[in-house]
């Protein structure tokens, strides 16, 4: 796998997952509301977990936020291919800019033989880099 995010912009990812630090659920809800044009209300879904449902072009999108998954980052997962973003990195860039946070994501669709600890980091100022983020599990 290369150290740049996948560039086949025609390939819609089946789901999107990014990691955010710091996390403010209030700010995240407001940002998602802007992105999807609707009011976002998170419901508790277990310890440090929050769920909501969004709609886009008639498709329902399940969203899960899990706080403190690794190194103080929260996971933001959209269980749908109907998001406004084609790839994880597109969402990470939008979130870093819109929320003024650090956002991380995988470099692309993982395939057997790929390095599982290689990720992509987008800072609030727009700077980006590939890096190794070892699994703490």
Protein backbone atom coordinates (compact mmCIF):
# COMPACT_ATOMS: atom_id res chain seq x y z
CA UNK A 1 0.00 0.00 0.00
CA UNK A 2 1.33 3.46 -0.78
CA UNK A 3 1.60 6.25 1.77
CA UNK A 4 -1.04 8.37 0.09
CA UNK A 5 -4.76 7.81 0.33
CA UNK A 6 -6.43 5.81 -2.41
CA UNK A 7 -7.08 8.09 -5.39
CA UNK A 8 -9.73 6.22 -7.38
CA UNK A 9 -12.41 8.85 -6.80
CA UNK A 10 -15.04 6.74 -8.57
CA UNK A 11 -14.97 4.05 -5.86
CA UNK A 12 -17.50 4.85 -3.13
CA UNK A 13 -16.46 3.24 0.15
CA UNK A 14 -19.19 1.02 1.67
CA UNK A 15 -18.77 2.80 5.01
CA UNK A 16 -16.69 5.63 6.42
CA UNK A 17 -14.69 5.62 9.65
CA UNK A 18 -12.49 8.39 10.95
CA UNK A 19 -10.93 9.23 14.30
CA UNK A 20 -11.18 12.68 15.91
CA UNK A 21 -9.30 14.47 18.69
CA UNK A 22 -10.48 16.30 20.62
CA UNK A 23 -14.16 15.30 20.52
CA UNK A 24 -17.02 17.58 21.43
CA UNK A 25 -20.35 15.82 20.82
CA UNK A 26 -22.07 19.20 20.67
CA UNK A 27 -19.68 20.51 17.99
CA UNK A 28 -19.84 17.20 16.11
CA UNK A 29 -23.64 17.28 16.13
CA UNK A 30 -23.65 20.86 14.82
CA UNK A 31 -21.13 20.01 12.07
CA UNK A 32 -23.03 16.89 11.01
CA UNK A 33 -26.22 18.97 10.99
CA UNK A 34 -24.57 21.35 8.52
CA UNK A 35 -23.31 18.49 6.36
CA UNK A 36 -26.66 16.69 6.22
CA UNK A 37 -29.07 19.63 6.57
CA UNK A 38 -30.87 18.22 9.60
CA UNK A 39 -30.90 18.34 13.37
CA UNK A 40 -28.59 15.75 14.90
CA UNK A 41 -29.44 14.20 18.26
CA UNK A 42 -27.12 11.58 19.74
CA UNK A 43 -28.59 8.79 21.87
CA UNK A 44 -26.56 6.86 24.44
CA UNK A 45 -25.59 3.42 23.11
CA UNK A 46 -23.44 1.99 25.88
CA UNK A 47 -20.41 3.18 27.79
CA UNK A 48 -18.85 6.10 25.89
CA UNK A 49 -20.96 5.26 22.81
CA UNK A 50 -23.49 7.43 21.03
CA UNK A 51 -25.75 6.70 18.06
CA UNK A 52 -27.79 8.75 15.65
CA UNK A 53 -29.46 8.26 12.28
CA UNK A 54 -29.08 10.65 9.39
CA UNK A 55 -30.69 10.71 5.97
CA UNK A 56 -29.25 11.71 2.63
CA UNK A 57 -31.02 11.41 -0.73
CA UNK A 58 -33.61 9.13 0.87
CA UNK A 59 -31.00 6.76 2.34
CA UNK A 60 -30.81 6.22 6.08
CA UNK A 61 -27.31 6.34 7.57
CA UNK A 62 -26.53 4.78 10.94
CA UNK A 63 -23.84 6.73 12.80
CA UNK A 64 -21.85 5.51 15.79
CA UNK A 65 -19.46 7.58 17.90
CA UNK A 66 -17.20 5.77 20.35
CA UNK A 67 -15.18 7.96 22.68
CA UNK A 68 -11.59 7.21 23.72
CA UNK A 69 -10.88 4.31 21.36
CA UNK A 70 -7.13 4.98 21.03
CA UNK A 71 -4.76 7.68 22.28
CA UNK A 72 -7.71 9.87 23.30
CA UNK A 73 -9.28 9.73 19.84
CA UNK A 74 -12.96 9.07 19.23
CA UNK A 75 -14.20 6.89 16.38
CA UNK A 76 -16.86 8.30 14.05
CA UNK A 77 -18.40 5.57 11.88
CA UNK A 78 -21.00 5.96 9.15
CA UNK A 79 -22.49 2.54 8.29
CA UNK A 80 -23.46 3.48 4.74
CA UNK A 81 -22.16 4.25 1.28
CA UNK A 82 -24.59 7.19 1.08
CA UNK A 83 -22.44 9.76 2.87
CA UNK A 84 -21.32 13.00 1.20
CA UNK A 85 -17.78 11.59 1.18
CA UNK A 86 -16.48 9.00 -1.25
CA UNK A 87 -13.57 7.88 0.95
CA UNK A 88 -12.53 8.03 4.59
CA UNK A 89 -9.87 10.63 3.77
CA UNK A 90 -12.49 12.95 2.24
CA UNK A 91 -14.47 12.83 5.48
CA UNK A 92 -11.31 13.28 7.58
CA UNK A 93 -10.34 16.39 5.61
CA UNK A 94 -13.83 17.88 5.95
CA UNK A 95 -14.00 17.09 9.67
CA UNK A 96 -10.53 18.46 10.46
CA UNK A 97 -11.36 21.69 8.67
CA UNK A 98 -14.94 22.02 9.93
CA UNK A 99 -14.31 21.01 13.54
CA UNK A 100 -10.76 22.38 13.83
CA UNK A 101 -9.47 19.06 15.18
CA UNK A 102 -6.99 16.39 14.21
CA UNK A 103 -8.63 13.67 12.12
CA UNK A 104 -7.17 10.28 11.26
CA UNK A 105 -8.23 7.50 8.94
CA UNK A 106 -6.89 4.42 7.25
CA UNK A 107 -4.93 4.97 4.06
CA UNK A 108 -7.55 3.12 2.04
CA UNK A 109 -9.38 -0.16 1.80
CA UNK A 110 -7.30 -2.69 3.69
CA UNK A 111 -6.18 -5.76 1.76
CA UNK A 112 -4.33 -8.85 3.06
CA UNK A 113 -0.62 -8.04 3.12
CA UNK A 114 -1.16 -4.31 3.78
CA UNK A 115 0.46 -2.77 6.84
CA UNK A 116 -2.40 -2.51 9.38
CA UNK A 117 -0.78 0.32 11.37
CA UNK A 118 -0.46 2.78 8.45
CA UNK A 119 -2.87 5.69 8.75
CA UNK A 120 -3.37 9.18 7.39
CA UNK A 121 -3.46 12.27 9.59
CA UNK A 122 -5.13 15.59 8.73
CA UNK A 123 -4.53 18.54 11.02
CA UNK A 124 -6.88 21.47 11.57
CA UNK A 125 -4.50 23.72 9.60
CA UNK A 126 -4.84 21.43 6.54
CA UNK A 127 -1.46 19.75 6.81
CA UNK A 128 -1.52 16.02 6.05
CA UNK A 129 0.78 13.03 6.33
CA UNK A 130 0.85 9.25 6.33
CA UNK A 131 2.16 7.78 9.57
CA UNK A 132 2.32 4.62 11.67
CA UNK A 133 -0.32 4.39 14.40
CA UNK A 134 0.38 1.15 16.29
CA UNK A 135 -2.61 -0.80 17.56
CA UNK A 136 -2.66 -0.47 21.34
CA UNK A 137 -4.98 -3.50 21.67
